[in-house]
Amino acid sequence: MLAPNPVYAYASGGQGGCSTPGFNASETGYAGNFTAVSNNTSIATVSPSTSTGPFTVTGTGTFGQSTTITVSDTLGNHATETVDLSAICLP
């Protein structure tokens, strides 16, 4: 079972003191690369697109928007994770 962890990204235009949100993907018995793709890049992007992790999420939308990221392995398994843009990031 593919298991990405929860993701909270900051709305674009965030102020100082922000950390870059990210996530890892894991799967029991699997040691290959994962592919992570945002289903709406106008809200959030993911980089790198293929990796063993970690993945970085960049909020490109505005506060209150959300989208999903689909994480896949090379065996055809996949999982989705919701990304919510928050306004927690303050100076």
PDB file of N, CA and C in Angstrom:
ATOM      1  N   MET A   1       0.840  -1.182   0.000  1.00  0.00           N
ATOM      2  CA  MET A   1       0.000   0.000   0.000  1.00  0.00           C
ATOM      3  C   MET A   1       0.878   1.236   0.000  1.00  0.00           C
ATOM      4  N   LEU A   2       0.616   2.134  -0.887  1.00  0.00           N
ATOM      5  CA  LEU A   2       1.355   3.380  -1.004  1.00  0.00           C
ATOM      6  C   LEU A   2       0.845   4.347   0.050  1.00  0.00           C
ATOM      7  N   ALA A   3       1.757   5.008   0.762  1.00  0.00           N
ATOM      8  CA  ALA A   3       1.322   5.835   1.883  1.00  0.00           C
ATOM      9  C   ALA A   3       2.028   7.179   1.923  1.00  0.00           C
ATOM     10  N   PRO A   4       1.557   8.181   1.143  1.00  0.00           N
ATOM     11  CA  PRO A   4       2.121   9.518   1.332  1.00  0.00           C
ATOM     12  C   PRO A   4       1.595  10.107   2.635  1.00  0.00           C
ATOM     13  N   ASN A   5       2.322  11.046   3.204  1.00  0.00           N
ATOM     14  CA  ASN A   5       1.848  11.673   4.434  1.00  0.00           C
ATOM     15  C   ASN A   5       1.134  12.984   4.132  1.00  0.00           C
ATOM     16  N   PRO A   6       0.362  13.541   5.073  1.00  0.00           N
ATOM     17  CA  PRO A   6      -0.437  14.750   4.814  1.00  0.00           C
ATOM     18  C   PRO A   6       0.415  15.935   4.365  1.00  0.00           C
ATOM     19  N   VAL A   7      -0.173  16.782   3.533  1.00  0.00           N
ATOM     20  CA  VAL A   7       0.531  17.936   2.982  1.00  0.00           C
ATOM     21  C   VAL A   7      -0.294  19.199   3.209  1.00  0.00           C
ATOM     22  N   TYR A   8       0.345  20.230   3.751  1.00  0.00           N
ATOM     23  CA  TYR A   8      -0.272  21.548   3.889  1.00  0.00           C
ATOM     24  C   TYR A   8       0.674  22.532   3.233  1.00  0.00           C
ATOM     25  N   ALA A   9       0.224  23.237   2.224  1.00  0.00           N
ATOM     26  CA  ALA A   9       1.066  24.208   1.528  1.00  0.00           C
ATOM     27  C   ALA A   9       0.599  25.612   1.875  1.00  0.00           C
ATOM     28  N   TYR A  10       1.475  26.567   1.699  1.00  0.00           N
ATOM     29  CA  TYR A  10       1.132  27.956   1.978  1.00  0.00           C
ATOM     30  C   TYR A  10       0.610  28.624   0.722  1.00  0.00           C
ATOM     31  N   ALA A  11      -0.361  29.496   0.892  1.00  0.00           N
ATOM     32  CA  ALA A  11      -0.893  30.255  -0.232  1.00  0.00           C
ATOM     33  C   ALA A  11       0.206  31.130  -0.813  1.00  0.00           C
ATOM     34  N   SER A  12       0.146  31.365  -2.109  1.00  0.00           N
ATOM     35  CA  SER A  12       1.169  32.183  -2.760  1.00  0.00           C
ATOM     36  C   SER A  12       1.197  33.577  -2.143  1.00  0.00           C
ATOM     37  N   GLY A  13       2.382  34.167  -2.127  1.00  0.00           N
ATOM     38  CA  GLY A  13       2.537  35.488  -1.533  1.00  0.00           C
ATOM     39  C   GLY A  13       2.734  35.447  -0.038  1.00  0.00           C
ATOM     40  N   GLY A  14       3.036  34.255   0.514  1.00  0.00           N
ATOM     41  CA  GLY A  14       3.266  34.121   1.948  1.00  0.00           C
ATOM     42  C   GLY A  14       4.427  34.978   2.412  1.00  0.00           C
ATOM     43  N   GLN A  15       4.427  35.343   3.670  1.00  0.00           N
ATOM     44  CA  GLN A  15       5.444  36.217   4.239  1.00  0.00           C
ATOM     45  C   GLN A  15       6.606  35.401   4.794  1.00  0.00           C
ATOM     46  N   GLY A  16       7.572  36.098   5.385  1.00  0.00           N
ATOM     47  CA  GLY A  16       8.740  35.458   5.963  1.00  0.00           C
ATOM     48  C   GLY A  16       8.381  34.449   7.039  1.00  0.00           C
ATOM     49  N   GLY A  17       9.308  33.588   7.366  1.00  0.00           N
ATOM     50  CA  GLY A  17       9.083  32.573   8.381  1.00  0.00           C
ATOM     51  C   GLY A  17       8.427  31.316   7.838  1.00  0.00           C
ATOM     52  N   CYS A  18       8.268  31.220   6.526  1.00  0.00           N
ATOM     53  CA  CYS A  18       7.632  30.049   5.916  1.00  0.00           C
ATOM     54  C   CYS A  18       8.649  28.927   5.752  1.00  0.00           C
ATOM     55  N   SER A  19       8.229  27.734   6.001  1.00  0.00           N
ATOM     56  CA  SER A  19       9.057  26.592   5.658  1.00  0.00           C
ATOM     57  C   SER A  19       8.470  25.983   4.389  1.00  0.00           C
ATOM     58  N   THR A  20       9.281  25.267   3.655  1.00  0.00           N
ATOM     59  CA  THR A  20       8.809  24.642   2.424  1.00  0.00           C
ATOM     60  C   THR A  20       8.140  23.320   2.769  1.00  0.00           C
ATOM     61  N   PRO A  21       6.852  23.179   2.485  1.00  0.00           N
ATOM     62  CA  PRO A  21       6.168  21.940   2.809  1.00  0.00           C
ATOM     63  C   PRO A  21       6.590  20.824   1.871  1.00  0.00           C
ATOM     64  N   GLY A  22       6.545  19.623   2.368  1.00  0.00           N
ATOM     65  CA  GLY A  22       6.907  18.479   1.550  1.00  0.00           C
ATOM     66  C   GLY A  22       6.338  17.200   2.121  1.00  0.00           C
ATOM     67  N   PHE A  23       6.616  16.116   1.457  1.00  0.00           N
ATOM     68  CA  PHE A  23       6.148  14.822   1.921  1.00  0.00           C
ATOM     69  C   PHE A  23       7.050  13.719   1.396  1.00  0.00           C
ATOM     70  N   ASN A  24       6.958  12.583   2.025  1.00  0.00           N
ATOM     71  CA  ASN A  24       7.628  11.373   1.565  1.00  0.00           C
ATOM     72  C   ASN A  24       6.566  10.369   1.164  1.00  0.00           C
ATOM     73  N   ALA A  25       6.936   9.429   0.322  1.00  0.00           N
ATOM     74  CA  ALA A  25       6.055   8.332  -0.047  1.00  0.00           C
ATOM     75  C   ALA A  25       6.759   7.042   0.344  1.00  0.00           C
ATOM     76  N   SER A  26       6.001   6.060   0.792  1.00  0.00           N
ATOM     77  CA  SER A  26       6.597   4.779   1.170  1.00  0.00           C
ATOM     78  C   SER A  26       5.650   3.648   0.809  1.00  0.00           C
ATOM     79  N   GLU A  27       6.235   2.492   0.634  1.00  0.00           N
ATOM     80  CA  GLU A  27       5.447   1.306   0.324  1.00  0.00           C
ATOM     81  C   GLU A  27       6.233   0.095   0.802  1.00  0.00           C
ATOM     82  N   THR A  28       5.620  -0.733   1.605  1.00  0.00           N
ATOM     83  CA  THR A  28       6.278  -1.910   2.146  1.00  0.00           C
ATOM     84  C   THR A  28       6.772  -2.808   1.016  1.00  0.00           C
ATOM     85  N   GLY A  29       8.048  -3.154   1.052  1.00  0.00           N
ATOM     86  CA  GLY A  29       8.634  -4.051   0.065  1.00  0.00           C
ATOM     87  C   GLY A  29       8.968  -3.412  -1.267  1.00  0.00           C
ATOM     88  N   TYR A  30       8.852  -2.083  -1.367  1.00  0.00           N
ATOM     89  CA  TYR A  30       9.139  -1.387  -2.619  1.00  0.00           C
ATOM     90  C   TYR A  30      10.273  -0.410  -2.391  1.00  0.00           C
ATOM     91  N   ALA A  31      11.289  -0.455  -3.250  1.00  0.00           N
ATOM     92  CA  ALA A  31      12.446   0.421  -3.070  1.00  0.00           C
ATOM     93  C   ALA A  31      12.719   1.287  -4.293  1.00  0.00           C
ATOM     94  N   GLY A  32      11.804   1.326  -5.251  1.00  0.00           N
ATOM     95  CA  GLY A  32      12.012   2.100  -6.473  1.00  0.00           C
ATOM     96  C   GLY A  32      11.548   3.534  -6.354  1.00  0.00           C
ATOM     97  N   ASN A  33      11.545   4.211  -7.494  1.00  0.00           N
ATOM     98  CA  ASN A  33      11.103   5.599  -7.567  1.00  0.00           C
ATOM     99  C   ASN A  33       9.587   5.712  -7.519  1.00  0.00           C
ATOM    100  N   PHE A  34       9.131   6.858  -7.045  1.00  0.00           N
ATOM    101  CA  PHE A  34       7.724   7.235  -7.072  1.00  0.00           C
ATOM    102  C   PHE A  34       7.581   8.431  -8.006  1.00  0.00           C
ATOM    103  N   THR A  35       6.422   8.569  -8.607  1.00  0.00           N
ATOM    104  CA  THR A  35       6.084   9.726  -9.409  1.00  0.00           C
ATOM    105  C   THR A  35       4.994  10.490  -8.667  1.00  0.00           C
ATOM    106  N   ALA A  36       5.155  11.804  -8.548  1.00  0.00           N
ATOM    107  CA  ALA A  36       4.159  12.639  -7.865  1.00  0.00           C
ATOM    108  C   ALA A  36       3.723  13.741  -8.813  1.00  0.00           C
ATOM    109  N   VAL A  37       2.395  13.863  -9.005  1.00  0.00           N
ATOM    110  CA  VAL A  37       1.844  14.830  -9.952  1.00  0.00           C
ATOM    111  C   VAL A  37       0.690  15.576  -9.296  1.00  0.00           C
ATOM    112  N   SER A  38       0.734  16.904  -9.359  1.00  0.00           N
ATOM    113  CA  SER A  38      -0.383  17.722  -8.889  1.00  0.00           C
ATOM    114  C   SER A  38      -1.487  17.660  -9.931  1.00  0.00           C
ATOM    115  N   ASN A  39      -2.708  17.481  -9.479  1.00  0.00           N
ATOM    116  CA  ASN A  39      -3.836  17.430 -10.400  1.00  0.00           C
ATOM    117  C   ASN A  39      -4.298  18.809 -10.841  1.00  0.00           C
ATOM    118  N   ASN A  40      -3.752  19.882 -10.236  1.00  0.00           N
ATOM    119  CA  ASN A  40      -4.067  21.243 -10.658  1.00  0.00           C
ATOM    120  C   ASN A  40      -2.868  22.126 -10.336  1.00  0.00           C
ATOM    121  N   THR A  41      -1.990  22.314 -11.309  1.00  0.00           N
ATOM    122  CA  THR A  41      -0.766  23.076 -11.069  1.00  0.00           C
ATOM    123  C   THR A  41      -1.003  24.563 -10.864  1.00  0.00           C
ATOM    124  N   SER A  42      -2.221  25.052 -11.101  1.00  0.00           N
ATOM    125  CA  SER A  42      -2.499  26.454 -10.787  1.00  0.00           C
ATOM    126  C   SER A  42      -2.757  26.631  -9.289  1.00  0.00           C
ATOM    127  N   ILE A  43      -2.853  25.522  -8.559  1.00  0.00           N
ATOM    128  CA  ILE A  43      -3.025  25.568  -7.100  1.00  0.00           C
ATOM    129  C   ILE A  43      -1.753  25.130  -6.384  1.00  0.00           C
ATOM    130  N   ALA A  44      -1.116  24.048  -6.865  1.00  0.00           N
ATOM    131  CA  ALA A  44       0.119  23.562  -6.246  1.00  0.00           C
ATOM    132  C   ALA A  44       0.932  22.767  -7.251  1.00  0.00           C
ATOM    133  N   THR A  45       2.255  22.859  -7.129  1.00  0.00           N
ATOM    134  CA  THR A  45       3.156  22.058  -7.951  1.00  0.00           C
ATOM    135  C   THR A  45       3.981  21.159  -7.050  1.00  0.00           C
ATOM    136  N   VAL A  46       4.532  20.093  -7.640  1.00  0.00           N
ATOM    137  CA  VAL A  46       5.351  19.131  -6.909  1.00  0.00           C
ATOM    138  C   VAL A  46       6.687  18.999  -7.628  1.00  0.00           C
ATOM    139  N   SER A  47       7.772  18.938  -6.857  1.00  0.00           N
ATOM    140  CA  SER A  47       9.072  18.669  -7.456  1.00  0.00           C
ATOM    141  C   SER A  47       9.900  17.815  -6.494  1.00  0.00           C
ATOM    142  N   PRO A  48      10.758  16.973  -6.965  1.00  0.00           N
ATOM    143  CA  PRO A  48      10.849  16.564  -8.363  1.00  0.00           C
ATOM    144  C   PRO A  48       9.636  15.720  -8.737  1.00  0.00           C
ATOM    145  N   SER A  49       9.434  15.497 -10.017  1.00  0.00           N
ATOM    146  CA  SER A  49       8.264  14.706 -10.425  1.00  0.00           C
ATOM    147  C   SER A  49       8.495  13.218 -10.208  1.00  0.00           C
ATOM    148  N   THR A  50       9.751  12.775 -10.241  1.00  0.00           N
ATOM    149  CA  THR A  50      10.083  11.368  -9.995  1.00  0.00           C
ATOM    150  C   THR A  50      11.251  11.305  -9.022  1.00  0.00           C
ATOM    151  N   SER A  51      11.084  10.511  -7.960  1.00  0.00           N
ATOM    152  CA  SER A  51      12.112  10.450  -6.931  1.00  0.00           C
ATOM    153  C   SER A  51      11.799   9.328  -5.947  1.00  0.00           C
ATOM    154  N   THR A  52      12.754   9.025  -5.081  1.00  0.00           N
ATOM    155  CA  THR A  52      12.471   8.163  -3.941  1.00  0.00           C
ATOM    156  C   THR A  52      12.005   9.016  -2.768  1.00  0.00           C
ATOM    157  N   GLY A  53      11.987  10.333  -2.949  1.00  0.00           N
ATOM    158  CA  GLY A  53      11.546  11.279  -1.931  1.00  0.00           C
ATOM    159  C   GLY A  53      12.728  11.955  -1.301  1.00  0.00           C
ATOM    160  N   PRO A  54      12.511  13.014  -0.587  1.00  0.00           N
ATOM    161  CA  PRO A  54      11.230  13.675  -0.362  1.00  0.00           C
ATOM    162  C   PRO A  54      10.807  14.523  -1.563  1.00  0.00           C
ATOM    163  N   PHE A  55       9.525  14.871  -1.586  1.00  0.00           N
ATOM    164  CA  PHE A  55       8.949  15.726  -2.604  1.00  0.00           C
ATOM    165  C   PHE A  55       8.641  17.081  -1.970  1.00  0.00           C
ATOM    166  N   THR A  56       8.797  18.153  -2.735  1.00  0.00           N
ATOM    167  CA  THR A  56       8.500  19.497  -2.267  1.00  0.00           C
ATOM    168  C   THR A  56       7.229  19.990  -2.935  1.00  0.00           C
ATOM    169  N   VAL A  57       6.350  20.607  -2.153  1.00  0.00           N
ATOM    170  CA  VAL A  57       5.098  21.154  -2.666  1.00  0.00           C
ATOM    171  C   VAL A  57       5.176  22.667  -2.606  1.00  0.00           C
ATOM    172  N   THR A  58       4.842  23.318  -3.719  1.00  0.00           N
ATOM    173  CA  THR A  58       4.827  24.775  -3.777  1.00  0.00           C
ATOM    174  C   THR A  58       3.409  25.243  -4.063  1.00  0.00           C
ATOM    175  N   GLY A  59       2.847  26.035  -3.165  1.00  0.00           N
ATOM    176  CA  GLY A  59       1.518  26.589  -3.372  1.00  0.00           C
ATOM    177  C   GLY A  59       1.571  27.690  -4.422  1.00  0.00           C
ATOM    178  N   THR A  60       0.744  27.579  -5.458  1.00  0.00           N
ATOM    179  CA  THR A  60       0.700  28.585  -6.510  1.00  0.00           C
ATOM    180  C   THR A  60      -0.668  29.263  -6.580  1.00  0.00           C
ATOM    181  N   GLY A  61      -1.589  28.800  -5.762  1.00  0.00           N
ATOM    182  CA  GLY A  61      -2.939  29.356  -5.739  1.00  0.00           C
ATOM    183  C   GLY A  61      -3.111  30.334  -4.600  1.00  0.00           C
ATOM    184  N   THR A  62      -4.335  30.471  -4.123  1.00  0.00           N
ATOM    185  CA  THR A  62      -4.641  31.394  -3.042  1.00  0.00           C
ATOM    186  C   THR A  62      -5.242  30.640  -1.853  1.00  0.00           C
ATOM    187  N   PHE A  63      -5.246  31.311  -0.703  1.00  0.00           N
ATOM    188  CA  PHE A  63      -5.763  30.745   0.539  1.00  0.00           C
ATOM    189  C   PHE A  63      -7.122  30.083   0.333  1.00  0.00           C
ATOM    190  N   GLY A  64      -7.275  28.904   0.903  1.00  0.00           N
ATOM    191  CA  GLY A  64      -8.553  28.197   0.878  1.00  0.00           C
ATOM    192  C   GLY A  64      -8.711  27.225  -0.272  1.00  0.00           C
ATOM    193  N   GLN A  65      -7.827  27.291  -1.264  1.00  0.00           N
ATOM    194  CA  GLN A  65      -7.934  26.355  -2.373  1.00  0.00           C
ATOM    195  C   GLN A  65      -7.311  25.014  -1.989  1.00  0.00           C
ATOM    196  N   SER A  66      -7.751  23.963  -2.655  1.00  0.00           N
ATOM    197  CA  SER A  66      -7.133  22.661  -2.441  1.00  0.00           C
ATOM    198  C   SER A  66      -7.121  21.882  -3.748  1.00  0.00           C
ATOM    199  N   THR A  67      -6.216  20.946  -3.829  1.00  0.00           N
ATOM    200  CA  THR A  67      -6.111  20.048  -4.973  1.00  0.00           C
ATOM    201  C   THR A  67      -5.570  18.723  -4.465  1.00  0.00           C
ATOM    202  N   THR A  68      -5.378  17.787  -5.346  1.00  0.00           N
ATOM    203  CA  THR A  68      -4.807  16.511  -4.941  1.00  0.00           C
ATOM    204  C   THR A  68      -3.497  16.268  -5.675  1.00  0.00           C
ATOM    205  N   ILE A  69      -2.665  15.474  -5.058  1.00  0.00           N
ATOM    206  CA  ILE A  69      -1.429  15.008  -5.661  1.00  0.00           C
ATOM    207  C   ILE A  69      -1.575  13.492  -5.783  1.00  0.00           C
ATOM    208  N   THR A  70      -1.280  12.978  -6.954  1.00  0.00           N
ATOM    209  CA  THR A  70      -1.312  11.530  -7.164  1.00  0.00           C
ATOM    210  C   THR A  70       0.118  11.015  -7.137  1.00  0.00           C
ATOM    211  N   VAL A  71       0.370  10.043  -6.258  1.00  0.00           N
ATOM    212  CA  VAL A  71       1.677   9.424  -6.123  1.00  0.00           C
ATOM    213  C   VAL A  71       1.558   8.001  -6.653  1.00  0.00           C
ATOM    214  N   SER A  72       2.470   7.628  -7.558  1.00  0.00           N
ATOM    215  CA  SER A  72       2.427   6.301  -8.179  1.00  0.00           C
ATOM    216  C   SER A  72       3.782   5.627  -8.066  1.00  0.00           C
ATOM    217  N   ASP A  73       3.779   4.297  -8.026  1.00  0.00           N
ATOM    218  CA  ASP A  73       5.027   3.546  -8.111  1.00  0.00           C
ATOM    219  C   ASP A  73       5.138   2.957  -9.510  1.00  0.00           C
ATOM    220  N   THR A  74       6.220   2.255  -9.783  1.00  0.00           N
ATOM    221  CA  THR A  74       6.417   1.670 -11.111  1.00  0.00           C
ATOM    222  C   THR A  74       5.672   0.352 -11.281  1.00  0.00           C
ATOM    223  N   LEU A  75       4.977  -0.104 -10.237  1.00  0.00           N
ATOM    224  CA  LEU A  75       4.222  -1.360 -10.296  1.00  0.00           C
ATOM    225  C   LEU A  75       2.745  -1.131 -10.599  1.00  0.00           C
ATOM    226  N   GLY A  76       2.340   0.126 -10.747  1.00  0.00           N
ATOM    227  CA  GLY A  76       0.949   0.445 -11.044  1.00  0.00           C
ATOM    228  C   GLY A  76       0.104   0.804  -9.834  1.00  0.00           C
ATOM    229  N   ASN A  77       0.704   0.840  -8.643  1.00  0.00           N
ATOM    230  CA  ASN A  77      -0.026   1.257  -7.444  1.00  0.00           C
ATOM    231  C   ASN A  77      -0.021   2.771  -7.360  1.00  0.00           C
ATOM    232  N   HIS A  78      -1.080   3.339  -6.791  1.00  0.00           N
ATOM    233  CA  HIS A  78      -1.129   4.783  -6.626  1.00  0.00           C
ATOM    234  C   HIS A  78      -1.957   5.163  -5.408  1.00  0.00           C
ATOM    235  N   ALA A  79      -1.716   6.375  -4.952  1.00  0.00           N
ATOM    236  CA  ALA A  79      -2.464   6.936  -3.829  1.00  0.00           C
ATOM    237  C   ALA A  79      -2.621   8.424  -4.099  1.00  0.00           C
ATOM    238  N   THR A  80      -3.664   9.020  -3.545  1.00  0.00           N
ATOM    239  CA  THR A  80      -3.848  10.460  -3.685  1.00  0.00           C
ATOM    240  C   THR A  80      -3.766  11.118  -2.317  1.00  0.00           C
ATOM    241  N   GLU A  81      -3.298  12.333  -2.330  1.00  0.00           N
ATOM    242  CA  GLU A  81      -3.158  13.116  -1.107  1.00  0.00           C
ATOM    243  C   GLU A  81      -3.711  14.503  -1.385  1.00  0.00           C
ATOM    244  N   THR A  82      -4.539  15.011  -0.487  1.00  0.00           N
ATOM    245  CA  THR A  82      -5.089  16.355  -0.642  1.00  0.00           C
ATOM    246  C   THR A  82      -4.096  17.390  -0.152  1.00  0.00           C
ATOM    247  N   VAL A  83      -3.961  18.472  -0.904  1.00  0.00           N
ATOM    248  CA  VAL A  83      -3.126  19.601  -0.520  1.00  0.00           C
ATOM    249  C   VAL A  83      -4.051  20.781  -0.273  1.00  0.00           C
ATOM    250  N   ASP A  84      -4.023  21.319   0.927  1.00  0.00           N
ATOM    251  CA  ASP A  84      -4.812  22.496   1.283  1.00  0.00           C
ATOM    252  C   ASP A  84      -3.886  23.697   1.406  1.00  0.00           C
ATOM    253  N   LEU A  85      -4.252  24.797   0.774  1.00  0.00           N
ATOM    254  CA  LEU A  85      -3.464  26.019   0.910  1.00  0.00           C
ATOM    255  C   LEU A  85      -3.942  26.762   2.142  1.00  0.00           C
ATOM    256  N   SER A  86      -3.020  27.002   3.061  1.00  0.00           N
ATOM    257  CA  SER A  86      -3.375  27.648   4.308  1.00  0.00           C
ATOM    258  C   SER A  86      -2.707  29.009   4.418  1.00  0.00           C
ATOM    259  N   ALA A  87      -3.169  29.808   5.337  1.00  0.00           N
ATOM    260  CA  ALA A  87      -2.567  31.128   5.569  1.00  0.00           C
ATOM    261  C   ALA A  87      -1.867  31.153   6.919  1.00  0.00           C
ATOM    262  N   ILE A  88      -1.325  30.023   7.328  1.00  0.00           N
ATOM    263  CA  ILE A  88      -0.636  29.922   8.610  1.00  0.00           C
ATOM    264  C   ILE A  88       0.659  30.714   8.601  1.00  0.00           C
ATOM    265  N   CYS A  89       1.228  30.870   7.427  1.00  0.00           N
ATOM    266  CA  CYS A  89       2.544  31.482   7.263  1.00  0.00           C
ATOM    267  C   CYS A  89       2.467  32.993   7.493  1.00  0.00           C
ATOM    268  N   LEU A  90       3.000  33.451   8.605  1.00  0.00           N
ATOM    269  CA  LEU A  90       2.985  34.879   8.942  1.00  0.00           C
ATOM    270  C   LEU A  90       4.401  35.355   9.254  1.00  0.00           C
ATOM    271  N   PRO A  91       4.662  36.658   9.151  1.00  0.00           N
ATOM    272  CA  PRO A  91       6.010  37.157   9.442  1.00  0.00           C
ATOM    273  C   PRO A  91       6.375  36.964  10.902  1.00  0.00           C
TER     274      PRO A  91
END
